N, C-alpha and C. Protein backbone atom coordinates (compact mmCIF):
# COMPACT_ATOMS: atom_id res chain seq x y z
N MET A 1 8.09 16.83 -0.40
CA MET A 1 7.19 15.85 0.20
C MET A 1 7.94 14.86 1.08
N GLU A 2 9.14 14.44 0.62
CA GLU A 2 9.91 13.45 1.37
C GLU A 2 10.36 13.98 2.72
N SER A 3 10.81 15.26 2.74
CA SER A 3 11.24 15.86 4.00
C SER A 3 10.06 16.05 4.95
N PHE A 4 8.92 16.44 4.38
CA PHE A 4 7.70 16.58 5.20
C PHE A 4 7.31 15.24 5.80
N PHE A 5 7.38 14.19 4.98
CA PHE A 5 7.05 12.85 5.45
C PHE A 5 7.96 12.43 6.60
N GLN A 6 9.26 12.66 6.43
CA GLN A 6 10.22 12.29 7.47
C GLN A 6 9.98 13.07 8.75
N ASN A 7 9.70 14.37 8.63
CA ASN A 7 9.40 15.20 9.81
C ASN A 7 8.14 14.72 10.51
N LEU A 8 7.15 14.29 9.71
CA LEU A 8 5.90 13.77 10.28
C LEU A 8 6.17 12.50 11.08
N ILE A 9 7.00 11.61 10.54
CA ILE A 9 7.35 10.37 11.23
C ILE A 9 8.03 10.67 12.56
N GLU A 10 8.99 11.58 12.53
CA GLU A 10 9.72 11.94 13.75
C GLU A 10 8.80 12.58 14.78
N TRP A 11 7.86 13.39 14.29
CA TRP A 11 6.92 14.06 15.21
C TRP A 11 5.98 13.04 15.85
N ILE A 12 5.47 12.09 15.07
CA ILE A 12 4.57 11.07 15.61
C ILE A 12 5.24 10.29 16.74
N GLN A 13 6.52 10.03 16.59
CA GLN A 13 7.25 9.23 17.59
C GLN A 13 7.43 9.96 18.91
N THR A 14 7.18 11.28 18.91
CA THR A 14 7.29 12.05 20.16
C THR A 14 5.97 12.12 20.92
N LEU A 15 4.89 11.64 20.31
CA LEU A 15 3.56 11.79 20.89
C LEU A 15 3.24 10.69 21.90
N SER A 16 2.22 10.95 22.69
CA SER A 16 1.70 9.93 23.60
C SER A 16 0.91 8.91 22.80
N PRO A 17 0.72 7.69 23.33
CA PRO A 17 -0.05 6.67 22.59
C PRO A 17 -1.43 7.15 22.16
N LEU A 18 -2.13 7.86 23.04
CA LEU A 18 -3.47 8.34 22.69
C LEU A 18 -3.42 9.31 21.52
N SER A 19 -2.43 10.20 21.53
CA SER A 19 -2.28 11.16 20.44
C SER A 19 -1.91 10.46 19.14
N ILE A 20 -1.11 9.39 19.23
CA ILE A 20 -0.72 8.63 18.04
C ILE A 20 -1.96 8.00 17.39
N TYR A 21 -2.85 7.44 18.22
CA TYR A 21 -4.09 6.88 17.68
C TYR A 21 -4.88 7.95 16.94
N ALA A 22 -4.95 9.16 17.54
CA ALA A 22 -5.71 10.25 16.92
C ALA A 22 -5.09 10.66 15.59
N VAL A 23 -3.76 10.73 15.55
CA VAL A 23 -3.08 11.11 14.31
C VAL A 23 -3.34 10.08 13.21
N PHE A 24 -3.30 8.79 13.57
CA PHE A 24 -3.53 7.76 12.57
C PHE A 24 -4.98 7.74 12.10
N ALA A 25 -5.90 8.10 12.97
CA ALA A 25 -7.30 8.23 12.56
C ALA A 25 -7.44 9.34 11.51
N ILE A 26 -6.76 10.47 11.75
CA ILE A 26 -6.80 11.59 10.80
C ILE A 26 -6.16 11.20 9.48
N ILE A 27 -5.03 10.48 9.56
CA ILE A 27 -4.34 10.04 8.34
C ILE A 27 -5.22 9.11 7.53
N ALA A 28 -5.82 8.12 8.19
CA ALA A 28 -6.66 7.15 7.49
C ALA A 28 -7.88 7.82 6.87
N TYR A 29 -8.44 8.80 7.58
CA TYR A 29 -9.59 9.53 7.05
C TYR A 29 -9.19 10.38 5.84
N THR A 30 -8.14 11.18 6.02
CA THR A 30 -7.75 12.14 4.99
C THR A 30 -7.26 11.46 3.73
N GLU A 31 -6.65 10.30 3.87
CA GLU A 31 -6.13 9.58 2.71
C GLU A 31 -7.24 9.17 1.75
N ASN A 32 -8.45 9.04 2.28
CA ASN A 32 -9.61 8.71 1.44
C ASN A 32 -10.19 9.94 0.76
N VAL A 33 -9.81 11.11 1.24
CA VAL A 33 -10.37 12.35 0.71
C VAL A 33 -9.35 13.10 -0.15
N VAL A 34 -8.09 13.06 0.26
CA VAL A 34 -7.01 13.74 -0.46
C VAL A 34 -5.98 12.69 -0.86
N PRO A 35 -6.12 12.10 -2.06
CA PRO A 35 -5.28 10.97 -2.48
C PRO A 35 -3.77 11.16 -2.39
N PRO A 36 -3.20 12.37 -2.61
CA PRO A 36 -1.73 12.47 -2.59
C PRO A 36 -1.08 12.11 -1.26
N ILE A 37 -1.86 12.09 -0.17
CA ILE A 37 -1.27 11.77 1.13
C ILE A 37 -0.83 10.30 1.14
N PRO A 38 0.44 10.02 1.51
CA PRO A 38 0.94 8.63 1.50
C PRO A 38 0.42 7.83 2.70
N GLY A 39 -0.90 7.68 2.77
CA GLY A 39 -1.51 7.05 3.93
C GLY A 39 -1.13 5.61 4.13
N ASP A 40 -0.96 4.86 3.03
CA ASP A 40 -0.64 3.44 3.14
C ASP A 40 0.69 3.21 3.85
N LEU A 41 1.70 3.97 3.45
CA LEU A 41 3.01 3.80 4.07
C LEU A 41 2.99 4.21 5.53
N LEU A 42 2.20 5.22 5.86
CA LEU A 42 2.09 5.64 7.25
C LEU A 42 1.39 4.58 8.09
N VAL A 43 0.40 3.90 7.52
CA VAL A 43 -0.25 2.80 8.24
C VAL A 43 0.75 1.67 8.48
N ALA A 44 1.60 1.39 7.50
CA ALA A 44 2.65 0.40 7.69
C ALA A 44 3.60 0.81 8.81
N PHE A 45 3.89 2.11 8.90
CA PHE A 45 4.70 2.64 10.01
C PHE A 45 4.01 2.38 11.33
N GLY A 46 2.66 2.45 11.32
CA GLY A 46 1.91 2.12 12.54
C GLY A 46 2.13 0.69 12.96
N GLY A 47 2.29 -0.23 11.99
CA GLY A 47 2.61 -1.62 12.32
C GLY A 47 3.94 -1.73 13.04
N TYR A 48 4.90 -0.92 12.61
CA TYR A 48 6.21 -0.89 13.29
C TYR A 48 6.06 -0.39 14.72
N LEU A 49 5.27 0.67 14.91
CA LEU A 49 5.05 1.19 16.26
C LEU A 49 4.38 0.15 17.16
N ALA A 50 3.47 -0.62 16.56
CA ALA A 50 2.81 -1.68 17.33
C ALA A 50 3.81 -2.78 17.70
N ALA A 51 4.73 -3.08 16.78
CA ALA A 51 5.75 -4.09 17.06
C ALA A 51 6.68 -3.64 18.18
N GLU A 52 6.83 -2.32 18.32
CA GLU A 52 7.64 -1.76 19.40
C GLU A 52 6.84 -1.61 20.70
N TYR A 53 5.58 -2.01 20.65
CA TYR A 53 4.66 -1.94 21.80
C TYR A 53 4.44 -0.51 22.29
N ILE A 54 4.55 0.44 21.35
CA ILE A 54 4.25 1.83 21.67
C ILE A 54 2.74 2.04 21.65
N ILE A 55 2.08 1.37 20.71
CA ILE A 55 0.63 1.36 20.62
C ILE A 55 0.17 -0.07 20.37
N GLY A 56 -1.14 -0.32 20.50
CA GLY A 56 -1.67 -1.65 20.32
C GLY A 56 -2.00 -1.94 18.86
N PHE A 57 -1.67 -3.13 18.40
CA PHE A 57 -1.93 -3.53 17.01
C PHE A 57 -3.43 -3.54 16.72
N THR A 58 -4.20 -4.20 17.56
CA THR A 58 -5.64 -4.35 17.33
C THR A 58 -6.35 -3.00 17.37
N GLY A 59 -5.98 -2.18 18.36
CA GLY A 59 -6.59 -0.86 18.47
C GLY A 59 -6.33 0.01 17.26
N LEU A 60 -5.08 -0.02 16.76
CA LEU A 60 -4.74 0.76 15.59
C LEU A 60 -5.46 0.25 14.35
N TRP A 61 -5.57 -1.06 14.25
CA TRP A 61 -6.29 -1.68 13.13
C TRP A 61 -7.75 -1.22 13.11
N ALA A 62 -8.37 -1.23 14.29
CA ALA A 62 -9.78 -0.83 14.39
C ALA A 62 -9.94 0.66 14.05
N ILE A 63 -9.07 1.48 14.60
CA ILE A 63 -9.19 2.93 14.41
C ILE A 63 -8.98 3.31 12.95
N THR A 64 -7.95 2.75 12.31
CA THR A 64 -7.70 3.09 10.89
C THR A 64 -8.80 2.57 9.99
N THR A 65 -9.38 1.43 10.35
CA THR A 65 -10.48 0.90 9.54
C THR A 65 -11.70 1.80 9.63
N VAL A 66 -12.09 2.16 10.84
CA VAL A 66 -13.26 3.02 11.04
C VAL A 66 -13.05 4.38 10.37
N ALA A 67 -11.87 4.97 10.54
CA ALA A 67 -11.59 6.28 9.95
C ALA A 67 -11.61 6.20 8.42
N SER A 68 -11.10 5.11 7.87
CA SER A 68 -11.11 4.93 6.42
C SER A 68 -12.54 4.88 5.90
N VAL A 69 -13.40 4.15 6.61
CA VAL A 69 -14.80 4.02 6.17
C VAL A 69 -15.52 5.36 6.27
N ILE A 70 -15.24 6.11 7.33
CA ILE A 70 -15.86 7.43 7.47
C ILE A 70 -15.43 8.33 6.31
N GLY A 71 -14.14 8.30 5.97
CA GLY A 71 -13.65 9.08 4.85
C GLY A 71 -14.31 8.66 3.55
N PHE A 72 -14.43 7.36 3.35
CA PHE A 72 -15.08 6.83 2.14
C PHE A 72 -16.52 7.31 2.06
N MET A 73 -17.25 7.20 3.16
CA MET A 73 -18.67 7.55 3.15
C MET A 73 -18.88 9.06 3.04
N ASN A 74 -17.93 9.86 3.50
CA ASN A 74 -18.04 11.30 3.30
C ASN A 74 -17.94 11.65 1.82
N MET A 75 -17.01 10.99 1.13
CA MET A 75 -16.91 11.21 -0.32
C MET A 75 -18.16 10.67 -1.02
N TYR A 76 -18.67 9.55 -0.53
CA TYR A 76 -19.93 8.99 -1.05
C TYR A 76 -21.05 10.02 -0.94
N ALA A 77 -21.13 10.68 0.23
CA ALA A 77 -22.19 11.67 0.46
C ALA A 77 -22.05 12.85 -0.49
N ILE A 78 -20.81 13.27 -0.76
CA ILE A 78 -20.60 14.37 -1.71
C ILE A 78 -21.11 13.97 -3.09
N GLY A 79 -20.77 12.75 -3.51
CA GLY A 79 -21.25 12.27 -4.81
C GLY A 79 -22.75 12.14 -4.84
N PHE A 80 -23.34 11.69 -3.74
CA PHE A 80 -24.78 11.46 -3.66
C PHE A 80 -25.55 12.78 -3.75
N TYR A 81 -25.11 13.78 -2.97
CA TYR A 81 -25.87 15.03 -2.88
C TYR A 81 -25.49 16.07 -3.93
N PHE A 82 -24.25 15.98 -4.45
CA PHE A 82 -23.80 17.00 -5.41
C PHE A 82 -23.50 16.39 -6.78
N GLY A 83 -23.99 15.18 -7.00
CA GLY A 83 -23.72 14.49 -8.27
C GLY A 83 -24.12 15.28 -9.48
N ASP A 84 -25.29 15.91 -9.44
CA ASP A 84 -25.78 16.68 -10.60
C ASP A 84 -24.86 17.87 -10.89
N LYS A 85 -24.40 18.55 -9.83
CA LYS A 85 -23.50 19.68 -10.02
C LYS A 85 -22.15 19.23 -10.56
N ILE A 86 -21.68 18.09 -10.03
CA ILE A 86 -20.39 17.57 -10.50
C ILE A 86 -20.48 17.23 -11.99
N GLU A 87 -21.57 16.60 -12.38
CA GLU A 87 -21.75 16.24 -13.79
C GLU A 87 -21.88 17.47 -14.67
N ALA A 88 -22.61 18.47 -14.19
CA ALA A 88 -22.87 19.66 -14.99
C ALA A 88 -21.62 20.54 -15.11
N GLN A 89 -20.89 20.67 -14.02
CA GLN A 89 -19.75 21.60 -14.00
C GLN A 89 -18.42 20.92 -14.34
N ARG A 90 -18.39 19.61 -14.13
CA ARG A 90 -17.20 18.82 -14.46
C ARG A 90 -15.92 19.47 -13.91
N LYS A 91 -15.10 20.03 -14.77
CA LYS A 91 -13.78 20.54 -14.36
C LYS A 91 -13.86 21.74 -13.43
N SER A 92 -14.97 22.47 -13.44
CA SER A 92 -15.05 23.69 -12.63
C SER A 92 -15.53 23.43 -11.21
N PHE A 93 -16.13 22.25 -10.95
CA PHE A 93 -16.56 21.93 -9.60
C PHE A 93 -15.33 21.78 -8.72
N TRP A 94 -15.36 22.35 -7.50
CA TRP A 94 -14.15 22.44 -6.68
C TRP A 94 -13.45 21.10 -6.47
N LEU A 95 -14.22 20.04 -6.29
CA LEU A 95 -13.61 18.74 -6.02
C LEU A 95 -12.88 18.18 -7.23
N MET A 96 -13.38 18.50 -8.43
CA MET A 96 -12.80 17.95 -9.65
C MET A 96 -11.45 18.58 -9.98
N LYS A 97 -11.06 19.60 -9.23
CA LYS A 97 -9.72 20.17 -9.39
C LYS A 97 -8.66 19.23 -8.84
N PHE A 98 -9.10 18.28 -7.99
CA PHE A 98 -8.17 17.32 -7.38
C PHE A 98 -8.28 15.93 -8.01
N ILE A 99 -9.27 15.73 -8.87
CA ILE A 99 -9.51 14.41 -9.47
C ILE A 99 -9.48 14.52 -10.98
N ASP A 100 -8.67 13.70 -11.61
CA ASP A 100 -8.59 13.68 -13.07
C ASP A 100 -9.92 13.22 -13.65
N VAL A 101 -10.44 13.97 -14.62
CA VAL A 101 -11.74 13.66 -15.20
C VAL A 101 -11.78 12.25 -15.82
N LYS A 102 -10.65 11.83 -16.40
CA LYS A 102 -10.64 10.50 -17.04
C LYS A 102 -10.82 9.39 -16.00
N TYR A 103 -10.26 9.59 -14.78
CA TYR A 103 -10.46 8.61 -13.72
C TYR A 103 -11.90 8.66 -13.21
N PHE A 104 -12.46 9.85 -13.20
CA PHE A 104 -13.85 10.02 -12.78
C PHE A 104 -14.79 9.27 -13.73
N ASP A 105 -14.59 9.43 -15.02
CA ASP A 105 -15.42 8.73 -16.01
C ASP A 105 -15.22 7.22 -15.93
N ARG A 106 -13.98 6.82 -15.73
CA ARG A 106 -13.69 5.39 -15.61
C ARG A 106 -14.36 4.81 -14.38
N GLY A 107 -14.33 5.56 -13.27
CA GLY A 107 -14.97 5.11 -12.05
C GLY A 107 -16.47 4.91 -12.23
N LYS A 108 -17.09 5.82 -12.97
CA LYS A 108 -18.53 5.67 -13.25
C LYS A 108 -18.82 4.41 -14.04
N ARG A 109 -17.99 4.14 -15.03
CA ARG A 109 -18.19 2.93 -15.83
C ARG A 109 -18.05 1.68 -14.97
N TRP A 110 -17.06 1.69 -14.11
CA TRP A 110 -16.86 0.54 -13.21
C TRP A 110 -18.07 0.33 -12.31
N MET A 111 -18.57 1.44 -11.76
CA MET A 111 -19.69 1.34 -10.83
C MET A 111 -20.93 0.81 -11.53
N HIS A 112 -21.18 1.29 -12.74
CA HIS A 112 -22.36 0.83 -13.49
C HIS A 112 -22.24 -0.64 -13.85
N LYS A 113 -21.01 -1.09 -14.10
CA LYS A 113 -20.83 -2.46 -14.56
C LYS A 113 -20.66 -3.46 -13.42
N TYR A 114 -19.87 -3.07 -12.40
CA TYR A 114 -19.52 -4.04 -11.36
C TYR A 114 -20.11 -3.71 -9.98
N GLY A 115 -20.57 -2.49 -9.78
CA GLY A 115 -21.24 -2.12 -8.54
C GLY A 115 -20.45 -2.39 -7.28
N GLN A 116 -21.01 -3.21 -6.41
CA GLN A 116 -20.43 -3.44 -5.09
C GLN A 116 -19.07 -4.15 -5.13
N LEU A 117 -18.79 -4.86 -6.21
CA LEU A 117 -17.47 -5.50 -6.33
C LEU A 117 -16.35 -4.46 -6.37
N VAL A 118 -16.63 -3.32 -7.00
CA VAL A 118 -15.64 -2.25 -7.06
C VAL A 118 -15.42 -1.66 -5.68
N ILE A 119 -16.50 -1.49 -4.92
CA ILE A 119 -16.39 -0.95 -3.57
C ILE A 119 -15.62 -1.92 -2.67
N LEU A 120 -15.88 -3.20 -2.84
CA LEU A 120 -15.16 -4.21 -2.06
C LEU A 120 -13.66 -4.18 -2.37
N ALA A 121 -13.31 -3.87 -3.60
CA ALA A 121 -11.90 -3.88 -4.01
C ALA A 121 -11.25 -2.51 -3.90
N ASN A 122 -12.00 -1.49 -3.47
CA ASN A 122 -11.52 -0.11 -3.61
C ASN A 122 -10.18 0.15 -2.92
N ARG A 123 -9.94 -0.43 -1.74
CA ARG A 123 -8.69 -0.17 -1.02
C ARG A 123 -7.49 -0.80 -1.71
N PHE A 124 -7.76 -1.78 -2.56
CA PHE A 124 -6.67 -2.46 -3.26
C PHE A 124 -6.39 -1.85 -4.63
N LEU A 125 -7.18 -0.84 -5.01
CA LEU A 125 -7.02 -0.18 -6.31
C LEU A 125 -6.33 1.15 -6.12
N ALA A 126 -5.02 1.12 -6.19
CA ALA A 126 -4.22 2.32 -5.91
C ALA A 126 -4.56 3.46 -6.86
N GLY A 127 -4.70 4.67 -6.29
CA GLY A 127 -4.92 5.86 -7.09
C GLY A 127 -6.35 6.13 -7.50
N THR A 128 -7.28 5.25 -7.13
CA THR A 128 -8.67 5.43 -7.58
C THR A 128 -9.66 5.47 -6.41
N ARG A 129 -9.18 5.47 -5.19
CA ARG A 129 -10.07 5.31 -4.04
C ARG A 129 -11.08 6.45 -3.91
N SER A 130 -10.60 7.68 -4.00
CA SER A 130 -11.51 8.82 -3.88
C SER A 130 -12.51 8.83 -5.02
N VAL A 131 -12.04 8.42 -6.20
CA VAL A 131 -12.93 8.37 -7.36
C VAL A 131 -14.03 7.34 -7.15
N ILE A 132 -13.66 6.18 -6.62
CA ILE A 132 -14.64 5.11 -6.40
C ILE A 132 -15.70 5.53 -5.39
N SER A 133 -15.28 6.11 -4.28
CA SER A 133 -16.25 6.54 -3.27
C SER A 133 -17.16 7.64 -3.81
N LEU A 134 -16.58 8.57 -4.58
CA LEU A 134 -17.36 9.67 -5.16
C LEU A 134 -18.38 9.14 -6.16
N THR A 135 -17.93 8.26 -7.06
CA THR A 135 -18.84 7.73 -8.08
C THR A 135 -19.85 6.75 -7.49
N ALA A 136 -19.51 6.11 -6.38
CA ALA A 136 -20.49 5.25 -5.69
C ALA A 136 -21.67 6.10 -5.22
N GLY A 137 -21.36 7.28 -4.69
CA GLY A 137 -22.43 8.19 -4.27
C GLY A 137 -23.18 8.75 -5.45
N LEU A 138 -22.45 9.09 -6.50
CA LEU A 138 -23.08 9.67 -7.68
C LEU A 138 -24.04 8.69 -8.35
N THR A 139 -23.66 7.41 -8.37
CA THR A 139 -24.54 6.39 -8.97
C THR A 139 -25.54 5.84 -7.96
N LYS A 140 -25.46 6.36 -6.72
CA LYS A 140 -26.44 6.04 -5.67
C LYS A 140 -26.54 4.53 -5.40
N THR A 141 -25.39 3.93 -5.13
CA THR A 141 -25.40 2.53 -4.71
C THR A 141 -26.10 2.41 -3.36
N LYS A 142 -26.63 1.25 -3.06
CA LYS A 142 -27.34 1.03 -1.80
C LYS A 142 -26.39 1.25 -0.63
N ILE A 143 -26.85 2.02 0.36
CA ILE A 143 -25.95 2.49 1.39
C ILE A 143 -25.44 1.38 2.31
N TYR A 144 -26.30 0.43 2.70
CA TYR A 144 -25.86 -0.59 3.66
C TYR A 144 -24.83 -1.53 3.06
N PRO A 145 -25.04 -2.06 1.85
CA PRO A 145 -23.97 -2.87 1.24
C PRO A 145 -22.69 -2.06 1.00
N THR A 146 -22.85 -0.77 0.71
CA THR A 146 -21.69 0.09 0.47
C THR A 146 -20.87 0.24 1.75
N VAL A 147 -21.53 0.48 2.87
CA VAL A 147 -20.82 0.58 4.16
C VAL A 147 -20.15 -0.76 4.49
N LEU A 148 -20.87 -1.85 4.29
CA LEU A 148 -20.32 -3.17 4.60
C LEU A 148 -19.09 -3.49 3.76
N ASN A 149 -19.17 -3.27 2.46
CA ASN A 149 -18.07 -3.61 1.57
C ASN A 149 -16.88 -2.66 1.73
N SER A 150 -17.14 -1.39 1.99
CA SER A 150 -16.03 -0.47 2.23
C SER A 150 -15.34 -0.80 3.55
N THR A 151 -16.11 -1.26 4.54
CA THR A 151 -15.52 -1.67 5.82
C THR A 151 -14.66 -2.91 5.64
N LEU A 152 -15.16 -3.89 4.92
CA LEU A 152 -14.39 -5.12 4.69
C LEU A 152 -13.12 -4.82 3.91
N SER A 153 -13.22 -3.96 2.90
CA SER A 153 -12.06 -3.59 2.10
C SER A 153 -10.99 -2.91 2.96
N SER A 154 -11.41 -1.95 3.78
CA SER A 154 -10.47 -1.24 4.64
C SER A 154 -9.88 -2.17 5.71
N PHE A 155 -10.71 -3.03 6.26
CA PHE A 155 -10.26 -3.98 7.28
C PHE A 155 -9.15 -4.88 6.74
N LEU A 156 -9.35 -5.41 5.55
CA LEU A 156 -8.36 -6.32 4.96
C LEU A 156 -7.08 -5.58 4.57
N TRP A 157 -7.23 -4.44 3.90
CA TRP A 157 -6.06 -3.71 3.41
C TRP A 157 -5.23 -3.15 4.56
N ASN A 158 -5.88 -2.52 5.52
CA ASN A 158 -5.14 -1.98 6.66
C ASN A 158 -4.49 -3.08 7.47
N GLY A 159 -5.16 -4.22 7.58
CA GLY A 159 -4.57 -5.35 8.28
C GLY A 159 -3.30 -5.84 7.61
N ILE A 160 -3.32 -5.89 6.28
CA ILE A 160 -2.12 -6.31 5.53
C ILE A 160 -0.98 -5.33 5.76
N LEU A 161 -1.28 -4.03 5.68
CA LEU A 161 -0.24 -3.02 5.86
C LEU A 161 0.34 -3.06 7.27
N LEU A 162 -0.52 -3.17 8.26
CA LEU A 162 -0.05 -3.23 9.64
C LEU A 162 0.79 -4.48 9.89
N TRP A 163 0.34 -5.59 9.33
CA TRP A 163 1.09 -6.83 9.49
C TRP A 163 2.46 -6.74 8.83
N MET A 164 2.51 -6.12 7.65
CA MET A 164 3.79 -5.94 6.96
C MET A 164 4.73 -5.05 7.78
N GLY A 165 4.18 -3.95 8.32
CA GLY A 165 4.99 -3.07 9.16
C GLY A 165 5.51 -3.77 10.40
N TRP A 166 4.67 -4.61 10.99
CA TRP A 166 5.06 -5.41 12.16
C TRP A 166 6.17 -6.40 11.78
N LEU A 167 6.00 -7.02 10.63
CA LEU A 167 6.91 -8.10 10.22
C LEU A 167 8.31 -7.60 9.91
N VAL A 168 8.42 -6.51 9.15
CA VAL A 168 9.75 -6.03 8.75
C VAL A 168 10.35 -5.10 9.80
N HIS A 169 9.52 -4.67 10.77
CA HIS A 169 9.98 -3.91 11.93
C HIS A 169 10.68 -2.62 11.51
N GLU A 170 11.95 -2.44 11.92
CA GLU A 170 12.62 -1.16 11.66
C GLU A 170 12.89 -0.91 10.17
N ASN A 171 12.70 -1.92 9.35
CA ASN A 171 12.86 -1.76 7.90
C ASN A 171 11.53 -1.43 7.21
N TRP A 172 10.58 -0.91 7.97
CA TRP A 172 9.23 -0.69 7.46
C TRP A 172 9.20 0.20 6.21
N GLN A 173 10.19 1.10 6.05
CA GLN A 173 10.15 2.02 4.91
C GLN A 173 10.32 1.32 3.57
N ILE A 174 10.88 0.09 3.57
CA ILE A 174 11.00 -0.64 2.30
C ILE A 174 9.63 -0.99 1.74
N ILE A 175 8.61 -0.98 2.60
CA ILE A 175 7.25 -1.27 2.13
C ILE A 175 6.82 -0.24 1.09
N GLY A 176 7.33 0.99 1.21
CA GLY A 176 7.00 2.02 0.23
C GLY A 176 7.38 1.62 -1.18
N HIS A 177 8.54 0.96 -1.30
CA HIS A 177 8.97 0.49 -2.63
C HIS A 177 7.98 -0.53 -3.19
N TYR A 178 7.59 -1.47 -2.35
CA TYR A 178 6.66 -2.51 -2.80
C TYR A 178 5.28 -1.94 -3.10
N LEU A 179 4.87 -0.92 -2.35
CA LEU A 179 3.59 -0.28 -2.64
C LEU A 179 3.62 0.43 -3.99
N ASN A 180 4.76 1.05 -4.31
CA ASN A 180 4.90 1.71 -5.61
C ASN A 180 4.84 0.69 -6.74
N VAL A 181 5.53 -0.43 -6.55
CA VAL A 181 5.51 -1.49 -7.55
C VAL A 181 4.09 -2.03 -7.70
N TYR A 182 3.44 -2.25 -6.55
CA TYR A 182 2.06 -2.77 -6.57
C TYR A 182 1.14 -1.82 -7.31
N GLY A 183 1.26 -0.52 -7.01
CA GLY A 183 0.41 0.47 -7.67
C GLY A 183 0.62 0.49 -9.18
N THR A 184 1.88 0.38 -9.60
CA THR A 184 2.19 0.36 -11.03
C THR A 184 1.58 -0.87 -11.70
N VAL A 185 1.73 -2.03 -11.05
CA VAL A 185 1.18 -3.27 -11.59
C VAL A 185 -0.34 -3.18 -11.73
N ILE A 186 -1.00 -2.62 -10.71
CA ILE A 186 -2.46 -2.49 -10.74
C ILE A 186 -2.89 -1.60 -11.90
N LEU A 187 -2.19 -0.47 -12.08
CA LEU A 187 -2.55 0.44 -13.17
C LEU A 187 -2.33 -0.21 -14.53
N ILE A 188 -1.26 -1.00 -14.65
CA ILE A 188 -1.01 -1.70 -15.91
C ILE A 188 -2.11 -2.73 -16.18
N LEU A 189 -2.49 -3.48 -15.14
CA LEU A 189 -3.55 -4.47 -15.29
C LEU A 189 -4.87 -3.82 -15.68
N ILE A 190 -5.17 -2.68 -15.06
CA ILE A 190 -6.39 -1.97 -15.41
C ILE A 190 -6.36 -1.55 -16.88
N GLY A 191 -5.19 -1.02 -17.31
CA GLY A 191 -5.04 -0.62 -18.70
C GLY A 191 -5.22 -1.79 -19.66
N VAL A 192 -4.64 -2.93 -19.31
CA VAL A 192 -4.76 -4.13 -20.15
C VAL A 192 -6.22 -4.58 -20.24
N LEU A 193 -6.91 -4.56 -19.10
CA LEU A 193 -8.31 -4.98 -19.08
C LEU A 193 -9.18 -4.05 -19.94
N ILE A 194 -8.87 -2.77 -19.90
CA ILE A 194 -9.61 -1.81 -20.73
C ILE A 194 -9.39 -2.09 -22.21
N ILE A 195 -8.13 -2.34 -22.57
CA ILE A 195 -7.80 -2.63 -23.97
C ILE A 195 -8.50 -3.91 -24.42
N VAL A 196 -8.45 -4.95 -23.57
CA VAL A 196 -9.11 -6.21 -23.91
C VAL A 196 -10.60 -6.00 -24.11
N ARG A 197 -11.20 -5.21 -23.22
CA ARG A 197 -12.62 -4.91 -23.32
C ARG A 197 -12.95 -4.19 -24.62
N LEU A 198 -12.14 -3.20 -24.98
CA LEU A 198 -12.38 -2.45 -26.21
C LEU A 198 -12.24 -3.34 -27.44
N LEU A 199 -11.24 -4.22 -27.41
CA LEU A 199 -11.06 -5.15 -28.53
C LEU A 199 -12.24 -6.12 -28.65
N TYR A 200 -12.75 -6.54 -27.50
CA TYR A 200 -13.90 -7.45 -27.49
C TYR A 200 -15.13 -6.77 -28.10
N VAL A 201 -15.39 -5.53 -27.68
CA VAL A 201 -16.53 -4.77 -28.20
C VAL A 201 -16.36 -4.53 -29.70
N TRP A 202 -15.13 -4.17 -30.11
CA TRP A 202 -14.87 -3.93 -31.53
C TRP A 202 -15.12 -5.19 -32.35
N ARG A 203 -14.68 -6.33 -31.82
CA ARG A 203 -14.86 -7.60 -32.54
C ARG A 203 -16.34 -7.96 -32.64
N LYS A 204 -17.09 -7.77 -31.55
CA LYS A 204 -18.51 -8.08 -31.57
C LYS A 204 -19.25 -7.20 -32.57
N ASN A 205 -18.90 -5.90 -32.59
CA ASN A 205 -19.54 -4.98 -33.54
C ASN A 205 -19.21 -5.36 -34.97
N ARG A 206 -17.98 -5.79 -35.18
CA ARG A 206 -17.58 -6.18 -36.53
C ARG A 206 -18.34 -7.43 -36.99
N GLU A 207 -18.57 -8.36 -36.06
CA GLU A 207 -19.32 -9.57 -36.41
C GLU A 207 -20.77 -9.24 -36.75
N VAL A 208 -21.34 -8.28 -36.01
CA VAL A 208 -22.73 -7.88 -36.26
C VAL A 208 -22.86 -7.20 -37.63
N LEU A 209 -21.87 -6.35 -37.93
CA LEU A 209 -21.93 -5.61 -39.19
C LEU A 209 -21.53 -6.46 -40.40
N GLY A 210 -20.76 -7.49 -40.12
CA GLY A 210 -20.24 -8.17 -41.27
C GLY A 210 -20.52 -9.55 -41.50
């Protein structure tokens, strides 16, 4: 994966500005559909390219935001129209071969409990983006607030990544380290919140019974 990533970076640098915009649109879209793609770090690389005046910062920000939202809403549509099949077939449905069932179930619980707040935070929740968009469709959240909140989430997150890439310039690859740390911290916090929630429910049930 690392060698592929490096080859991709070198290839992007040989392209024309228009082609670079197109590549980043594909990256931003695909990252919402196929989670293993290191889309965040590539967007940060786009900030470096903008700092070098190879492409425009604002244009890249707009393109990656729009492509991210399209990717999100495509997964939403899959959840909306194929939700019954996904629920019935679970592990055998083609999409669930790429998504851990435990994250899928967790995403459903989040959507039922927090709704649009989860969609607003989706870009900041590392490793769960495809799950959130899929379960948003499956739980049939209202489409207009969903588009609005997914747009705002992508706008803020992509802006942060581009700004970081611009700021550190040729050292943009160090952002990957911080993204890994950030992702680990987020997963730990999610785990802690789940444990706290379970303890709270257990305590309430114990009070009722006893």
